[in-house]
Amino acid sequence: MANRTHRYEAEVTWTGNTGSGTSGYRDYARDHDVAGVENSGKPVILGSADPSFRGTPQRWNPEELLVVSLSQCHMLWYLALCAKEGITVTAYRDRPHGTMSENAEGGGVFTDVTLRPEVTIAEPERVDDATELHHEAHRLCFIANSVNFPVTATPTVTTPSAE
């Protein structure tokens, strides 16, 4: 298959002007809206900074969204690979965890993200195969291949309990 290029576009609009703009560090909210462009029909994501940086706790922050992006990418590759291999996934849930370390200047870096997918499959004899496919999903994930910190997966694959 030939290499293809994909472009992604969104609109980020700051909504945190409380009346005096950025006249001081404590004088504005970090709230913003993330939306699709030109009638995309996508719902608006309410964003802010992490509460540690004066953000609104009820809104998604960029650090959370990075961790979520890694989880989504892994899940979507995993589901596709299972379908291709004839493994029936009946449930999938992940509770990813990311760690970010601040430096003396106030910036920082992610040091790691751990994905913790909990997967249920229909075929008890395929648990080992289904577990192994997480390695391939990780290898193929666009987002994991684009970050400069370790991303690991500690999956659990089970089958429905006998009734």
C-alpha atoms as a PDB file:
ATOM      1  CA  MET A   1       0.000   0.000   0.000  1.00  0.00           C
ATOM      2  CA  ALA A   2       1.306   3.452  -0.856  1.00  0.00           C
ATOM      3  CA  ASN A   3       1.998   5.935   1.913  1.00  0.00           C
ATOM      4  CA  ARG A   4      -0.895   8.298   2.438  1.00  0.00           C
ATOM      5  CA  THR A   5      -1.025  11.600   4.241  1.00  0.00           C
ATOM      6  CA  HIS A   6      -3.970  12.569   6.438  1.00  0.00           C
ATOM      7  CA  ARG A   7      -4.656  16.048   7.751  1.00  0.00           C
ATOM      8  CA  TYR A   8      -6.651  16.880  10.850  1.00  0.00           C
ATOM      9  CA  GLU A   9      -8.151  20.203  11.702  1.00  0.00           C
ATOM     10  CA  ALA A  10     -10.090  21.557  14.640  1.00  0.00           C
ATOM     11  CA  GLU A  11     -10.969  24.892  16.145  1.00  0.00           C
ATOM     12  CA  VAL A  12      -9.904  25.868  19.659  1.00  0.00           C
ATOM     13  CA  THR A  13     -11.570  29.006  21.028  1.00  0.00           C
ATOM     14  CA  TRP A  14     -10.617  30.576  24.337  1.00  0.00           C
ATOM     15  CA  THR A  15     -13.762  31.373  26.364  1.00  0.00           C
ATOM     16  CA  GLY A  16     -12.055  32.448  29.571  1.00  0.00           C
ATOM     17  CA  ASN A  17     -11.992  36.237  29.258  1.00  0.00           C
ATOM     18  CA  THR A  18     -13.582  37.306  32.541  1.00  0.00           C
ATOM     19  CA  GLY A  19     -13.634  40.956  31.547  1.00  0.00           C
ATOM     20  CA  SER A  20     -10.025  42.126  31.635  1.00  0.00           C
ATOM     21  CA  GLY A  21      -8.385  39.592  29.336  1.00  0.00           C
ATOM     22  CA  THR A  22      -4.969  38.384  30.439  1.00  0.00           C
ATOM     23  CA  SER A  23      -4.212  41.507  32.465  1.00  0.00           C
ATOM     24  CA  GLY A  24      -2.787  39.228  35.191  1.00  0.00           C
ATOM     25  CA  TYR A  25      -2.122  35.527  35.693  1.00  0.00           C
ATOM     26  CA  ARG A  26      -5.095  35.176  38.037  1.00  0.00           C
ATOM     27  CA  ASP A  27      -7.379  37.451  36.007  1.00  0.00           C
ATOM     28  CA  TYR A  28      -8.570  34.996  33.374  1.00  0.00           C
ATOM     29  CA  ALA A  29     -10.051  31.527  33.139  1.00  0.00           C
ATOM     30  CA  ARG A  30      -8.332  28.772  31.213  1.00  0.00           C
ATOM     31  CA  ASP A  31     -11.634  27.625  29.699  1.00  0.00           C
ATOM     32  CA  HIS A  32     -11.827  26.939  25.997  1.00  0.00           C
ATOM     33  CA  ASP A  33     -13.958  25.048  23.501  1.00  0.00           C
ATOM     34  CA  VAL A  34     -12.656  22.441  21.082  1.00  0.00           C
ATOM     35  CA  ALA A  35     -14.838  22.031  18.016  1.00  0.00           C
ATOM     36  CA  GLY A  36     -14.818  20.667  14.526  1.00  0.00           C
ATOM     37  CA  VAL A  37     -14.532  23.126  11.686  1.00  0.00           C
ATOM     38  CA  GLU A  38     -17.233  24.300   9.298  1.00  0.00           C
ATOM     39  CA  ASN A  39     -20.358  22.320  10.109  1.00  0.00           C
ATOM     40  CA  SER A  40     -18.565  19.127  11.100  1.00  0.00           C
ATOM     41  CA  GLY A  41     -21.482  18.193  13.340  1.00  0.00           C
ATOM     42  CA  LYS A  42     -19.097  17.110  16.095  1.00  0.00           C
ATOM     43  CA  PRO A  43     -20.028  18.010  19.655  1.00  0.00           C
ATOM     44  CA  VAL A  44     -17.981  20.669  21.382  1.00  0.00           C
ATOM     45  CA  ILE A  45     -15.445  19.434  23.950  1.00  0.00           C
ATOM     46  CA  LEU A  46     -15.245  21.732  26.951  1.00  0.00           C
ATOM     47  CA  GLY A  47     -11.574  22.209  27.756  1.00  0.00           C
ATOM     48  CA  SER A  48      -9.523  23.947  30.410  1.00  0.00           C
ATOM     49  CA  ALA A  49      -6.169  23.622  32.119  1.00  0.00           C
ATOM     50  CA  ASP A  50      -5.434  21.021  34.757  1.00  0.00           C
ATOM     51  CA  PRO A  51      -6.809  22.312  38.087  1.00  0.00           C
ATOM     52  CA  SER A  52      -3.183  22.511  39.312  1.00  0.00           C
ATOM     53  CA  PHE A  53      -2.728  25.284  36.738  1.00  0.00           C
ATOM     54  CA  ARG A  54      -5.898  27.224  37.600  1.00  0.00           C
ATOM     55  CA  GLY A  55      -8.147  25.182  35.321  1.00  0.00           C
ATOM     56  CA  THR A  56     -11.773  24.212  35.733  1.00  0.00           C
ATOM     57  CA  PRO A  57     -11.984  20.671  37.179  1.00  0.00           C
ATOM     58  CA  GLN A  58     -15.241  19.868  35.332  1.00  0.00           C
ATOM     59  CA  ARG A  59     -13.616  20.384  31.920  1.00  0.00           C
ATOM     60  CA  TRP A  60     -11.180  18.143  30.039  1.00  0.00           C
ATOM     61  CA  ASN A  61      -7.557  19.269  30.063  1.00  0.00           C
ATOM     62  CA  PRO A  62      -4.948  18.644  27.350  1.00  0.00           C
ATOM     63  CA  GLU A  63      -3.045  16.170  29.488  1.00  0.00           C
ATOM     64  CA  GLU A  64      -6.151  14.022  29.997  1.00  0.00           C
ATOM     65  CA  LEU A  65      -6.960  14.221  26.298  1.00  0.00           C
ATOM     66  CA  LEU A  66      -3.464  13.002  25.379  1.00  0.00           C
ATOM     67  CA  VAL A  67      -3.894   9.963  27.632  1.00  0.00           C
ATOM     68  CA  VAL A  68      -7.394   9.386  26.200  1.00  0.00           C
ATOM     69  CA  SER A  69      -6.049   9.632  22.624  1.00  0.00           C
ATOM     70  CA  LEU A  70      -3.508   6.908  23.329  1.00  0.00           C
ATOM     71  CA  SER A  71      -6.226   4.696  24.789  1.00  0.00           C
ATOM     72  CA  GLN A  72      -8.637   5.285  21.913  1.00  0.00           C
ATOM     73  CA  CYS A  73      -6.024   4.577  19.266  1.00  0.00           C
ATOM     74  CA  HIS A  74      -4.976   1.331  20.942  1.00  0.00           C
ATOM     75  CA  MET A  75      -8.588   0.215  21.374  1.00  0.00           C
ATOM     76  CA  LEU A  76      -9.549   0.914  17.771  1.00  0.00           C
ATOM     77  CA  TRP A  77      -6.531  -0.972  16.414  1.00  0.00           C
ATOM     78  CA  TYR A  78      -7.182  -3.837  18.830  1.00  0.00           C
ATOM     79  CA  LEU A  79     -10.837  -4.198  17.837  1.00  0.00           C
ATOM     80  CA  ALA A  80      -9.907  -4.180  14.147  1.00  0.00           C
ATOM     81  CA  LEU A  81      -7.222  -6.816  14.666  1.00  0.00           C
ATOM     82  CA  CYS A  82      -9.573  -9.046  16.652  1.00  0.00           C
ATOM     83  CA  ALA A  83     -12.224  -8.790  13.932  1.00  0.00           C
ATOM     84  CA  LYS A  84      -9.632  -9.693  11.303  1.00  0.00           C
ATOM     85  CA  GLU A  85      -8.450 -12.696  13.356  1.00  0.00           C
ATOM     86  CA  GLY A  86     -11.966 -13.969  14.076  1.00  0.00           C
ATOM     87  CA  ILE A  87     -11.919 -13.116  17.777  1.00  0.00           C
ATOM     88  CA  THR A  88     -15.260 -11.766  19.009  1.00  0.00           C
ATOM     89  CA  VAL A  89     -14.829  -8.941  21.507  1.00  0.00           C
ATOM     90  CA  THR A  90     -18.016  -8.414  23.496  1.00  0.00           C
ATOM     91  CA  ALA A  91     -16.763  -5.747  25.922  1.00  0.00           C
ATOM     92  CA  TYR A  92     -13.774  -3.419  26.186  1.00  0.00           C
ATOM     93  CA  ARG A  93     -12.939  -0.885  28.885  1.00  0.00           C
ATOM     94  CA  ASP A  94      -9.679   0.898  29.594  1.00  0.00           C
ATOM     95  CA  ARG A  95      -8.618   3.006  32.554  1.00  0.00           C
ATOM     96  CA  PRO A  96      -5.390   4.525  31.256  1.00  0.00           C
ATOM     97  CA  HIS A  97      -2.979   6.289  33.554  1.00  0.00           C
ATOM     98  CA  GLY A  98      -0.409   8.912  32.569  1.00  0.00           C
ATOM     99  CA  THR A  99       2.347  10.541  34.568  1.00  0.00           C
ATOM    100  CA  MET A 100       3.632  14.034  33.857  1.00  0.00           C
ATOM    101  CA  SER A 101       6.624  15.539  35.620  1.00  0.00           C
ATOM    102  CA  GLU A 102       7.050  19.301  35.996  1.00  0.00           C
ATOM    103  CA  ASN A 103      10.439  20.960  35.747  1.00  0.00           C
ATOM    104  CA  ALA A 104      11.783  23.974  37.656  1.00  0.00           C
ATOM    105  CA  GLU A 105      10.578  26.419  34.976  1.00  0.00           C
ATOM    106  CA  GLY A 106       6.984  25.181  35.260  1.00  0.00           C
ATOM    107  CA  GLY A 107       6.999  23.201  31.999  1.00  0.00           C
ATOM    108  CA  GLY A 108       7.102  19.474  31.971  1.00  0.00           C
ATOM    109  CA  VAL A 109       7.011  16.198  30.132  1.00  0.00           C
ATOM    110  CA  PHE A 110       5.013  13.035  30.199  1.00  0.00           C
ATOM    111  CA  THR A 111       7.187  10.275  31.587  1.00  0.00           C
ATOM    112  CA  ASP A 112       4.866   7.367  30.814  1.00  0.00           C
ATOM    113  CA  VAL A 113       1.352   6.216  30.037  1.00  0.00           C
ATOM    114  CA  THR A 114      -0.027   2.827  30.989  1.00  0.00           C
ATOM    115  CA  LEU A 115      -3.085   1.451  29.246  1.00  0.00           C
ATOM    116  CA  ARG A 116      -5.085  -1.050  31.289  1.00  0.00           C
ATOM    117  CA  PRO A 117      -7.608  -2.573  28.891  1.00  0.00           C
ATOM    118  CA  GLU A 118     -10.130  -5.038  30.286  1.00  0.00           C
ATOM    119  CA  VAL A 119     -11.452  -7.119  27.407  1.00  0.00           C
ATOM    120  CA  THR A 120     -14.124  -9.786  27.264  1.00  0.00           C
ATOM    121  CA  ILE A 121     -14.140 -12.187  24.317  1.00  0.00           C
ATOM    122  CA  ALA A 122     -16.628 -14.868  23.322  1.00  0.00           C
ATOM    123  CA  GLU A 123     -14.147 -17.695  22.635  1.00  0.00           C
ATOM    124  CA  PRO A 124     -12.438 -19.104  25.774  1.00  0.00           C
ATOM    125  CA  GLU A 125      -9.872 -20.971  23.667  1.00  0.00           C
ATOM    126  CA  ARG A 126      -8.650 -17.666  22.136  1.00  0.00           C
ATOM    127  CA  VAL A 127      -7.697 -15.805  25.334  1.00  0.00           C
ATOM    128  CA  ASP A 128      -3.951 -16.136  24.631  1.00  0.00           C
ATOM    129  CA  ASP A 129      -4.388 -15.009  21.010  1.00  0.00           C
ATOM    130  CA  ALA A 130      -6.518 -12.069  22.105  1.00  0.00           C
ATOM    131  CA  THR A 131      -3.946 -11.056  24.713  1.00  0.00           C
ATOM    132  CA  GLU A 132      -1.122 -11.217  22.164  1.00  0.00           C
ATOM    133  CA  LEU A 133      -2.979  -8.913  19.762  1.00  0.00           C
ATOM    134  CA  HIS A 134      -2.435  -6.060  22.210  1.00  0.00           C
ATOM    135  CA  HIS A 135       1.244  -6.058  21.185  1.00  0.00           C
ATOM    136  CA  GLU A 136       0.300  -5.664  17.531  1.00  0.00           C
ATOM    137  CA  ALA A 137      -2.244  -2.940  18.342  1.00  0.00           C
ATOM    138  CA  HIS A 138       0.468  -1.059  20.207  1.00  0.00           C
ATOM    139  CA  ARG A 139       2.914  -1.441  17.315  1.00  0.00           C
ATOM    140  CA  LEU A 140       0.378  -0.030  14.858  1.00  0.00           C
ATOM    141  CA  CYS A 141      -1.081   2.798  16.970  1.00  0.00           C
ATOM    142  CA  PHE A 142      -0.520   6.152  15.263  1.00  0.00           C
ATOM    143  CA  ILE A 143      -0.563   8.106  18.502  1.00  0.00           C
ATOM    144  CA  ALA A 144       1.771   5.792  20.442  1.00  0.00           C
ATOM    145  CA  ASN A 145       4.212   5.958  17.529  1.00  0.00           C
ATOM    146  CA  SER A 146       4.174   9.762  17.733  1.00  0.00           C
ATOM    147  CA  VAL A 147       5.046  10.356  21.372  1.00  0.00           C
ATOM    148  CA  ASN A 148       8.511  10.394  22.949  1.00  0.00           C
ATOM    149  CA  PHE A 149       7.709   8.589  26.195  1.00  0.00           C
ATOM    150  CA  PRO A 150       6.943   4.937  26.971  1.00  0.00           C
ATOM    151  CA  VAL A 151       3.411   3.707  26.453  1.00  0.00           C
ATOM    152  CA  THR A 152       2.717   0.263  27.873  1.00  0.00           C
ATOM    153  CA  ALA A 153      -0.352  -1.925  27.995  1.00  0.00           C
ATOM    154  CA  THR A 154      -1.240  -4.315  30.792  1.00  0.00           C
ATOM    155  CA  PRO A 155      -4.310  -6.022  29.344  1.00  0.00           C
ATOM    156  CA  THR A 156      -6.694  -8.444  30.977  1.00  0.00           C
ATOM    157  CA  VAL A 157      -8.661 -10.712  28.652  1.00  0.00           C
ATOM    158  CA  THR A 158     -11.519 -12.819  30.011  1.00  0.00           C
ATOM    159  CA  THR A 159     -14.570 -14.709  28.800  1.00  0.00           C
ATOM    160  CA  PRO A 160     -18.103 -14.560  30.179  1.00  0.00           C
ATOM    161  CA  SER A 161     -18.625 -16.532  33.373  1.00  0.00           C
ATOM    162  CA  ALA A 162     -20.365 -19.864  33.033  1.00  0.00           C
ATOM    163  CA  GLU A 163     -23.944 -19.488  34.116  1.00  0.00           C
END
